[in-house]
């Protein structure tokens, strides 16, 4: 019954500020609480991947080449160590968790689906890579689907609980590039991407907005967005 917020980036000043604090939001009580986990802990970080793993009763953080878990009951971080990387044939491969990579859990398999990301400071390389992460083995499996969305970061990304598929909408590359309004579906069983057409679609947008699946209404909810460098 808690939401975890770890770190983050404040960019309304120069230089920007990277936080290393840890907060819990208690949903039923509608109350924020700052907590102070003992070391080891991730430290100052932003643009990481963060999902909840119900089977582990813990949160998972993916950051560059390491993985962490956080126990909301004991308020402790645990470093899983350097991640291994293989291709679909199980052979060694190359992958580094980039900034603003989309990630969401597939609860039927326990795997985390990753897509996109950026590298560099400021970022100059944007990827179209699809990856599956297995927390039990601390391993990334890099997929190579022949059809996939163009490279991007900060798109809307969420899972449809009925079909078990993941939906990607919009996104962006750097702050000055054109925002996207394409709609894609990823099937984790077939490991394939399919582009969809939809009527009455939202306008182009990328970054600083969220998309989630509402199980009660069987619909996705999309809120806000950034349509251009200075247009929200």
C-alpha atoms as a PDB file:
ATOM      1  CA  UNK A   1       0.000   0.000   0.000  1.00  0.00           C
ATOM      2  CA  UNK A   2       2.944   2.340  -0.659  1.00  0.00           C
ATOM      3  CA  UNK A   3       4.504   4.114  -3.635  1.00  0.00           C
ATOM      4  CA  UNK A   4       8.297   4.448  -3.693  1.00  0.00           C
ATOM      5  CA  UNK A   5      10.067   7.562  -4.964  1.00  0.00           C
ATOM      6  CA  UNK A   6      13.874   7.406  -5.087  1.00  0.00           C
ATOM      7  CA  UNK A   7      16.067  10.302  -6.142  1.00  0.00           C
ATOM      8  CA  UNK A   8      15.242  12.345  -9.222  1.00  0.00           C
ATOM      9  CA  UNK A   9      16.376  15.367 -11.182  1.00  0.00           C
ATOM     10  CA  UNK A  10      15.623  19.042 -10.551  1.00  0.00           C
ATOM     11  CA  UNK A  11      16.401  21.091 -13.656  1.00  0.00           C
ATOM     12  CA  UNK A  12      15.006  24.562 -12.926  1.00  0.00           C
ATOM     13  CA  UNK A  13      18.436  25.780 -11.861  1.00  0.00           C
ATOM     14  CA  UNK A  14      21.964  25.665 -13.278  1.00  0.00           C
ATOM     15  CA  UNK A  15      23.586  23.319 -12.627  1.00  0.00           C
ATOM     16  CA  UNK A  16      20.767  20.851 -12.110  1.00  0.00           C
ATOM     17  CA  UNK A  17      20.399  18.873  -8.897  1.00  0.00           C
ATOM     18  CA  UNK A  18      20.316  15.082  -8.594  1.00  0.00           C
ATOM     19  CA  UNK A  19      18.576  13.876  -5.431  1.00  0.00           C
ATOM     20  CA  UNK A  20      19.477  10.862  -3.295  1.00  0.00           C
ATOM     21  CA  UNK A  21      16.502  10.908  -0.912  1.00  0.00           C
ATOM     22  CA  UNK A  22      13.930   8.134  -0.438  1.00  0.00           C
ATOM     23  CA  UNK A  23      10.193   8.734   0.049  1.00  0.00           C
ATOM     24  CA  UNK A  24       7.161   6.528   0.566  1.00  0.00           C
ATOM     25  CA  UNK A  25       3.614   7.604  -0.239  1.00  0.00           C
ATOM     26  CA  UNK A  26       1.052   5.749   1.891  1.00  0.00           C
ATOM     27  CA  UNK A  27      -1.920   5.448  -0.449  1.00  0.00           C
ATOM     28  CA  UNK A  28      -4.711   4.736   2.024  1.00  0.00           C
ATOM     29  CA  UNK A  29      -3.560   7.440   4.442  1.00  0.00           C
ATOM     30  CA  UNK A  30      -2.727   9.893   1.626  1.00  0.00           C
ATOM     31  CA  UNK A  31       0.509  10.690   3.449  1.00  0.00           C
ATOM     32  CA  UNK A  32       4.148  11.186   2.390  1.00  0.00           C
ATOM     33  CA  UNK A  33       6.984   9.888   4.579  1.00  0.00           C
ATOM     34  CA  UNK A  34      10.697  10.433   4.062  1.00  0.00           C
ATOM     35  CA  UNK A  35      12.690   7.361   5.108  1.00  0.00           C
ATOM     36  CA  UNK A  36      16.412   6.939   5.674  1.00  0.00           C
ATOM     37  CA  UNK A  37      17.658   3.509   4.550  1.00  0.00           C
ATOM     38  CA  UNK A  38      21.052   2.426   5.879  1.00  0.00           C
ATOM     39  CA  UNK A  39      23.935   1.835   3.507  1.00  0.00           C
ATOM     40  CA  UNK A  40      24.378   0.350   1.035  1.00  0.00           C
ATOM     41  CA  UNK A  41      21.966   2.407  -1.072  1.00  0.00           C
ATOM     42  CA  UNK A  42      21.950   3.678  -4.676  1.00  0.00           C
ATOM     43  CA  UNK A  43      22.933   7.271  -3.872  1.00  0.00           C
ATOM     44  CA  UNK A  44      22.071  10.249  -6.061  1.00  0.00           C
ATOM     45  CA  UNK A  45      20.383   9.050  -9.229  1.00  0.00           C
ATOM     46  CA  UNK A  46      17.711   9.866 -11.788  1.00  0.00           C
ATOM     47  CA  UNK A  47      16.344   8.368 -15.034  1.00  0.00           C
ATOM     48  CA  UNK A  48      16.572   4.861 -13.589  1.00  0.00           C
ATOM     49  CA  UNK A  49      14.038   2.076 -14.032  1.00  0.00           C
ATOM     50  CA  UNK A  50      11.797   1.336 -11.044  1.00  0.00           C
ATOM     51  CA  UNK A  51       9.069  -1.325 -10.828  1.00  0.00           C
ATOM     52  CA  UNK A  52       7.377  -3.322  -8.062  1.00  0.00           C
ATOM     53  CA  UNK A  53       7.821  -7.113  -8.000  1.00  0.00           C
ATOM     54  CA  UNK A  54       4.796  -8.662  -6.222  1.00  0.00           C
ATOM     55  CA  UNK A  55       6.369 -12.129  -6.096  1.00  0.00           C
ATOM     56  CA  UNK A  56       9.398 -10.682  -4.264  1.00  0.00           C
ATOM     57  CA  UNK A  57       7.412  -8.132  -2.231  1.00  0.00           C
ATOM     58  CA  UNK A  58      10.126  -5.668  -3.192  1.00  0.00           C
ATOM     59  CA  UNK A  59      10.844  -2.834  -5.586  1.00  0.00           C
ATOM     60  CA  UNK A  60      13.428  -3.255  -8.336  1.00  0.00           C
ATOM     61  CA  UNK A  61      15.728  -0.475  -9.525  1.00  0.00           C
ATOM     62  CA  UNK A  62      17.743  -0.827 -12.737  1.00  0.00           C
ATOM     63  CA  UNK A  63      20.637   1.604 -13.104  1.00  0.00           C
ATOM     64  CA  UNK A  64      23.406   1.457 -15.725  1.00  0.00           C
ATOM     65  CA  UNK A  65      25.074  -1.967 -15.200  1.00  0.00           C
ATOM     66  CA  UNK A  66      23.722  -2.837 -11.728  1.00  0.00           C
ATOM     67  CA  UNK A  67      20.405  -3.779 -10.125  1.00  0.00           C
ATOM     68  CA  UNK A  68      19.007  -3.050  -6.665  1.00  0.00           C
ATOM     69  CA  UNK A  69      15.965  -4.194  -4.694  1.00  0.00           C
ATOM     70  CA  UNK A  70      14.188  -2.254  -1.928  1.00  0.00           C
ATOM     71  CA  UNK A  71      12.153  -3.880   0.840  1.00  0.00           C
ATOM     72  CA  UNK A  72       9.387  -1.455   1.939  1.00  0.00           C
ATOM     73  CA  UNK A  73       8.961  -3.266   5.271  1.00  0.00           C
ATOM     74  CA  UNK A  74      12.587  -3.271   6.444  1.00  0.00           C
ATOM     75  CA  UNK A  75      13.430  -0.075   4.487  1.00  0.00           C
ATOM     76  CA  UNK A  76      16.629  -1.642   3.176  1.00  0.00           C
ATOM     77  CA  UNK A  77      18.253  -1.580  -0.231  1.00  0.00           C
ATOM     78  CA  UNK A  78      20.042  -4.680  -1.497  1.00  0.00           C
ATOM     79  CA  UNK A  79      22.617  -4.554  -4.293  1.00  0.00           C
ATOM     80  CA  UNK A  80      22.170  -7.511  -6.642  1.00  0.00           C
ATOM     81  CA  UNK A  81      25.459  -6.731  -8.325  1.00  0.00           C
ATOM     82  CA  UNK A  82      26.582  -6.262 -11.894  1.00  0.00           C
ATOM     83  CA  UNK A  83      24.037  -7.533 -14.397  1.00  0.00           C
ATOM     84  CA  UNK A  84      24.856 -10.220 -16.961  1.00  0.00           C
ATOM     85  CA  UNK A  85      23.879  -9.692 -20.608  1.00  0.00           C
ATOM     86  CA  UNK A  86      23.065 -12.378 -23.189  1.00  0.00           C
ATOM     87  CA  UNK A  87      21.300 -12.607 -26.540  1.00  0.00           C
ATOM     88  CA  UNK A  88      18.316 -14.846 -27.287  1.00  0.00           C
ATOM     89  CA  UNK A  89      20.657 -17.768 -27.924  1.00  0.00           C
ATOM     90  CA  UNK A  90      22.220 -17.344 -24.480  1.00  0.00           C
ATOM     91  CA  UNK A  91      25.496 -15.996 -25.843  1.00  0.00           C
ATOM     92  CA  UNK A  92      27.260 -12.968 -24.280  1.00  0.00           C
ATOM     93  CA  UNK A  93      25.911  -9.671 -25.590  1.00  0.00           C
ATOM     94  CA  UNK A  94      26.212  -5.957 -24.942  1.00  0.00           C
ATOM     95  CA  UNK A  95      23.678  -3.782 -23.113  1.00  0.00           C
ATOM     96  CA  UNK A  96      23.771  -0.934 -20.592  1.00  0.00           C
ATOM     97  CA  UNK A  97      20.598   0.438 -18.982  1.00  0.00           C
ATOM     98  CA  UNK A  98      20.294   3.898 -20.524  1.00  0.00           C
ATOM     99  CA  UNK A  99      18.621   7.022 -19.215  1.00  0.00           C
ATOM    100  CA  UNK A 100      14.823   7.176 -19.452  1.00  0.00           C
ATOM    101  CA  UNK A 101      14.445   3.601 -20.629  1.00  0.00           C
ATOM    102  CA  UNK A 102      10.807   2.468 -20.600  1.00  0.00           C
ATOM    103  CA  UNK A 103      10.259  -0.499 -18.285  1.00  0.00           C
ATOM    104  CA  UNK A 104       7.264  -2.448 -17.017  1.00  0.00           C
ATOM    105  CA  UNK A 105       6.728  -5.806 -15.322  1.00  0.00           C
ATOM    106  CA  UNK A 106       5.218  -8.875 -16.962  1.00  0.00           C
ATOM    107  CA  UNK A 107       3.691 -10.528 -13.852  1.00  0.00           C
ATOM    108  CA  UNK A 108       2.976 -13.788 -15.667  1.00  0.00           C
ATOM    109  CA  UNK A 109       6.698 -14.477 -16.128  1.00  0.00           C
ATOM    110  CA  UNK A 110       8.284 -12.159 -13.570  1.00  0.00           C
ATOM    111  CA  UNK A 111      10.354 -10.568 -16.336  1.00  0.00           C
ATOM    112  CA  UNK A 112      10.716  -6.817 -16.802  1.00  0.00           C
ATOM    113  CA  UNK A 113      10.277  -5.532 -20.364  1.00  0.00           C
ATOM    114  CA  UNK A 114      12.609  -2.674 -21.371  1.00  0.00           C
ATOM    115  CA  UNK A 115      12.583  -0.493 -24.459  1.00  0.00           C
ATOM    116  CA  UNK A 116      14.610   2.448 -25.769  1.00  0.00           C
ATOM    117  CA  UNK A 117      16.889   4.679 -23.710  1.00  0.00           C
ATOM    118  CA  UNK A 118      19.621   7.249 -24.244  1.00  0.00           C
ATOM    119  CA  UNK A 119      23.353   7.538 -23.609  1.00  0.00           C
ATOM    120  CA  UNK A 120      25.773  10.408 -23.115  1.00  0.00           C
ATOM    121  CA  UNK A 121      25.709  13.644 -21.099  1.00  0.00           C
ATOM    122  CA  UNK A 122      23.993  15.399 -22.710  1.00  0.00           C
ATOM    123  CA  UNK A 123      22.503  12.364 -24.458  1.00  0.00           C
ATOM    124  CA  UNK A 124      23.409  12.003 -28.118  1.00  0.00           C
ATOM    125  CA  UNK A 125      22.664   8.304 -28.699  1.00  0.00           C
ATOM    126  CA  UNK A 126      19.075   6.998 -28.637  1.00  0.00           C
ATOM    127  CA  UNK A 127      18.258   3.306 -29.000  1.00  0.00           C
ATOM    128  CA  UNK A 128      15.470   1.070 -30.290  1.00  0.00           C
ATOM    129  CA  UNK A 129      16.595  -1.940 -28.246  1.00  0.00           C
ATOM    130  CA  UNK A 130      14.100  -4.325 -26.613  1.00  0.00           C
ATOM    131  CA  UNK A 131      15.365  -6.246 -23.574  1.00  0.00           C
ATOM    132  CA  UNK A 132      13.977  -8.660 -20.973  1.00  0.00           C
ATOM    133  CA  UNK A 133      15.371  -8.577 -17.422  1.00  0.00           C
ATOM    134  CA  UNK A 134      15.253 -11.602 -15.084  1.00  0.00           C
ATOM    135  CA  UNK A 135      15.722 -10.658 -11.424  1.00  0.00           C
ATOM    136  CA  UNK A 136      16.308 -14.274 -10.350  1.00  0.00           C
ATOM    137  CA  UNK A 137      19.444 -14.515 -12.482  1.00  0.00           C
ATOM    138  CA  UNK A 138      20.183 -10.760 -12.631  1.00  0.00           C
ATOM    139  CA  UNK A 139      20.385 -11.086 -16.410  1.00  0.00           C
ATOM    140  CA  UNK A 140      19.380  -9.001 -19.406  1.00  0.00           C
ATOM    141  CA  UNK A 141      18.317 -10.835 -22.570  1.00  0.00           C
ATOM    142  CA  UNK A 142      18.687  -8.588 -25.617  1.00  0.00           C
ATOM    143  CA  UNK A 143      16.033  -9.259 -28.256  1.00  0.00           C
ATOM    144  CA  UNK A 144      16.299  -8.607 -31.978  1.00  0.00           C
ATOM    145  CA  UNK A 145      12.745  -8.225 -33.367  1.00  0.00           C
ATOM    146  CA  UNK A 146      12.879  -7.370 -37.089  1.00  0.00           C
ATOM    147  CA  UNK A 147      10.060  -4.816 -36.687  1.00  0.00           C
ATOM    148  CA  UNK A 148      10.235  -2.360 -33.794  1.00  0.00           C
ATOM    149  CA  UNK A 149       9.469   1.272 -32.944  1.00  0.00           C
ATOM    150  CA  UNK A 150      12.034   3.920 -33.913  1.00  0.00           C
ATOM    151  CA  UNK A 151      14.525   4.937 -31.214  1.00  0.00           C
ATOM    152  CA  UNK A 152      13.155   7.143 -28.425  1.00  0.00           C
ATOM    153  CA  UNK A 153      12.903   7.910 -24.720  1.00  0.00           C
ATOM    154  CA  UNK A 154      10.088   9.046 -22.408  1.00  0.00           C
ATOM    155  CA  UNK A 155       7.164   7.483 -24.195  1.00  0.00           C
ATOM    156  CA  UNK A 156       4.004   6.246 -22.522  1.00  0.00           C
ATOM    157  CA  UNK A 157       4.511   2.548 -21.698  1.00  0.00           C
ATOM    158  CA  UNK A 158       2.132   0.236 -19.817  1.00  0.00           C
ATOM    159  CA  UNK A 159       0.747  -3.315 -19.807  1.00  0.00           C
ATOM    160  CA  UNK A 160      -2.753  -4.446 -20.740  1.00  0.00           C
ATOM    161  CA  UNK A 161      -3.718  -6.969 -18.049  1.00  0.00           C
ATOM    162  CA  UNK A 162      -6.338  -8.644 -20.272  1.00  0.00           C
ATOM    163  CA  UNK A 163      -4.157  -9.443 -23.268  1.00  0.00           C
ATOM    164  CA  UNK A 164      -0.784  -9.513 -21.509  1.00  0.00           C
ATOM    165  CA  UNK A 165       0.616  -7.119 -24.114  1.00  0.00           C
ATOM    166  CA  UNK A 166       2.474  -3.849 -23.625  1.00  0.00           C
ATOM    167  CA  UNK A 167       1.481  -0.562 -25.257  1.00  0.00           C
ATOM    168  CA  UNK A 168       3.894   2.219 -26.265  1.00  0.00           C
ATOM    169  CA  UNK A 169       2.667   5.675 -27.281  1.00  0.00           C
ATOM    170  CA  UNK A 170       4.697   8.685 -28.380  1.00  0.00           C
ATOM    171  CA  UNK A 171       8.083   9.679 -27.056  1.00  0.00           C
ATOM    172  CA  UNK A 172      10.972  11.894 -28.069  1.00  0.00           C
ATOM    173  CA  UNK A 173      14.699  11.954 -28.702  1.00  0.00           C
ATOM    174  CA  UNK A 174      16.487  15.141 -27.638  1.00  0.00           C
ATOM    175  CA  UNK A 175      14.632  18.191 -26.346  1.00  0.00           C
ATOM    176  CA  UNK A 176      14.462  19.812 -29.776  1.00  0.00           C
ATOM    177  CA  UNK A 177      13.417  16.843 -31.901  1.00  0.00           C
ATOM    178  CA  UNK A 178       9.866  16.312 -33.101  1.00  0.00           C
ATOM    179  CA  UNK A 179       7.610  14.502 -30.669  1.00  0.00           C
ATOM    180  CA  UNK A 180       6.039  11.211 -31.736  1.00  0.00           C
ATOM    181  CA  UNK A 181       2.391  10.128 -31.899  1.00  0.00           C
ATOM    182  CA  UNK A 182       2.780   6.525 -33.060  1.00  0.00           C
ATOM    183  CA  UNK A 183       1.165   3.604 -31.231  1.00  0.00           C
ATOM    184  CA  UNK A 184       2.852   0.208 -30.825  1.00  0.00           C
ATOM    185  CA  UNK A 185       2.056  -3.092 -29.094  1.00  0.00           C
ATOM    186  CA  UNK A 186       4.657  -5.575 -27.818  1.00  0.00           C
ATOM    187  CA  UNK A 187       3.715  -9.233 -27.344  1.00  0.00           C
ATOM    188  CA  UNK A 188       6.186 -10.722 -24.809  1.00  0.00           C
ATOM    189  CA  UNK A 189       5.240 -14.300 -25.696  1.00  0.00           C
ATOM    190  CA  UNK A 190       5.941 -13.902 -29.407  1.00  0.00           C
ATOM    191  CA  UNK A 191       8.572 -11.209 -28.722  1.00  0.00           C
ATOM    192  CA  UNK A 192       7.168  -9.099 -31.555  1.00  0.00           C
ATOM    193  CA  UNK A 193       6.218  -5.440 -32.044  1.00  0.00           C
ATOM    194  CA  UNK A 194       3.173  -4.361 -34.079  1.00  0.00           C
ATOM    195  CA  UNK A 195       2.289  -0.786 -35.031  1.00  0.00           C
ATOM    196  CA  UNK A 196      -1.398   0.101 -34.663  1.00  0.00           C
ATOM    197  CA  UNK A 197      -3.680   2.753 -36.123  1.00  0.00           C
ATOM    198  CA  UNK A 198      -6.147   4.423 -33.758  1.00  0.00           C
ATOM    199  CA  UNK A 199      -8.746   7.126 -34.314  1.00  0.00           C
ATOM    200  CA  UNK A 200      -8.917  10.358 -32.295  1.00  0.00           C
ATOM    201  CA  UNK A 201      -5.354   9.927 -31.024  1.00  0.00           C
ATOM    202  CA  UNK A 202      -3.721  12.417 -28.646  1.00  0.00           C
ATOM    203  CA  UNK A 203      -1.322  14.913 -30.202  1.00  0.00           C
ATOM    204  CA  UNK A 204       2.402  14.355 -30.487  1.00  0.00           C
ATOM    205  CA  UNK A 205       4.129  14.301 -27.104  1.00  0.00           C
ATOM    206  CA  UNK A 206       7.186  12.993 -25.331  1.00  0.00           C
ATOM    207  CA  UNK A 207       8.552  13.202 -21.814  1.00  0.00           C
ATOM    208  CA  UNK A 208       7.145  14.243 -18.463  1.00  0.00           C
ATOM    209  CA  UNK A 209       3.821  12.466 -18.725  1.00  0.00           C
ATOM    210  CA  UNK A 210       2.498   9.094 -17.711  1.00  0.00           C
ATOM    211  CA  UNK A 211       0.351   6.298 -19.075  1.00  0.00           C
ATOM    212  CA  UNK A 212      -1.237   3.557 -16.979  1.00  0.00           C
ATOM    213  CA  UNK A 213      -3.773   0.773 -17.394  1.00  0.00           C
ATOM    214  CA  UNK A 214      -7.056   1.029 -15.487  1.00  0.00           C
ATOM    215  CA  UNK A 215      -8.228  -2.522 -14.797  1.00  0.00           C
ATOM    216  CA  UNK A 216     -11.731  -1.428 -13.710  1.00  0.00           C
ATOM    217  CA  UNK A 217     -12.557   0.234 -17.033  1.00  0.00           C
ATOM    218  CA  UNK A 218     -10.180  -1.882 -19.188  1.00  0.00           C
ATOM    219  CA  UNK A 219      -8.655   1.268 -20.681  1.00  0.00           C
ATOM    220  CA  UNK A 220      -5.369   3.114 -20.714  1.00  0.00           C
ATOM    221  CA  UNK A 221      -5.182   6.573 -19.178  1.00  0.00           C
ATOM    222  CA  UNK A 222      -2.872   9.178 -20.695  1.00  0.00           C
ATOM    223  CA  UNK A 223      -2.229  12.484 -18.926  1.00  0.00           C
ATOM    224  CA  UNK A 224      -0.423  15.651 -20.015  1.00  0.00           C
ATOM    225  CA  UNK A 225       2.786  15.704 -22.063  1.00  0.00           C
ATOM    226  CA  UNK A 226       5.360  17.929 -23.675  1.00  0.00           C
ATOM    227  CA  UNK A 227       4.578  18.777 -27.306  1.00  0.00           C
ATOM    228  CA  UNK A 228       7.685  20.898 -27.993  1.00  0.00           C
ATOM    229  CA  UNK A 229      10.692  22.345 -26.184  1.00  0.00           C
ATOM    230  CA  UNK A 230       8.598  25.059 -24.468  1.00  0.00           C
ATOM    231  CA  UNK A 231       5.080  23.692 -24.971  1.00  0.00           C
ATOM    232  CA  UNK A 232       3.457  21.463 -22.322  1.00  0.00           C
END
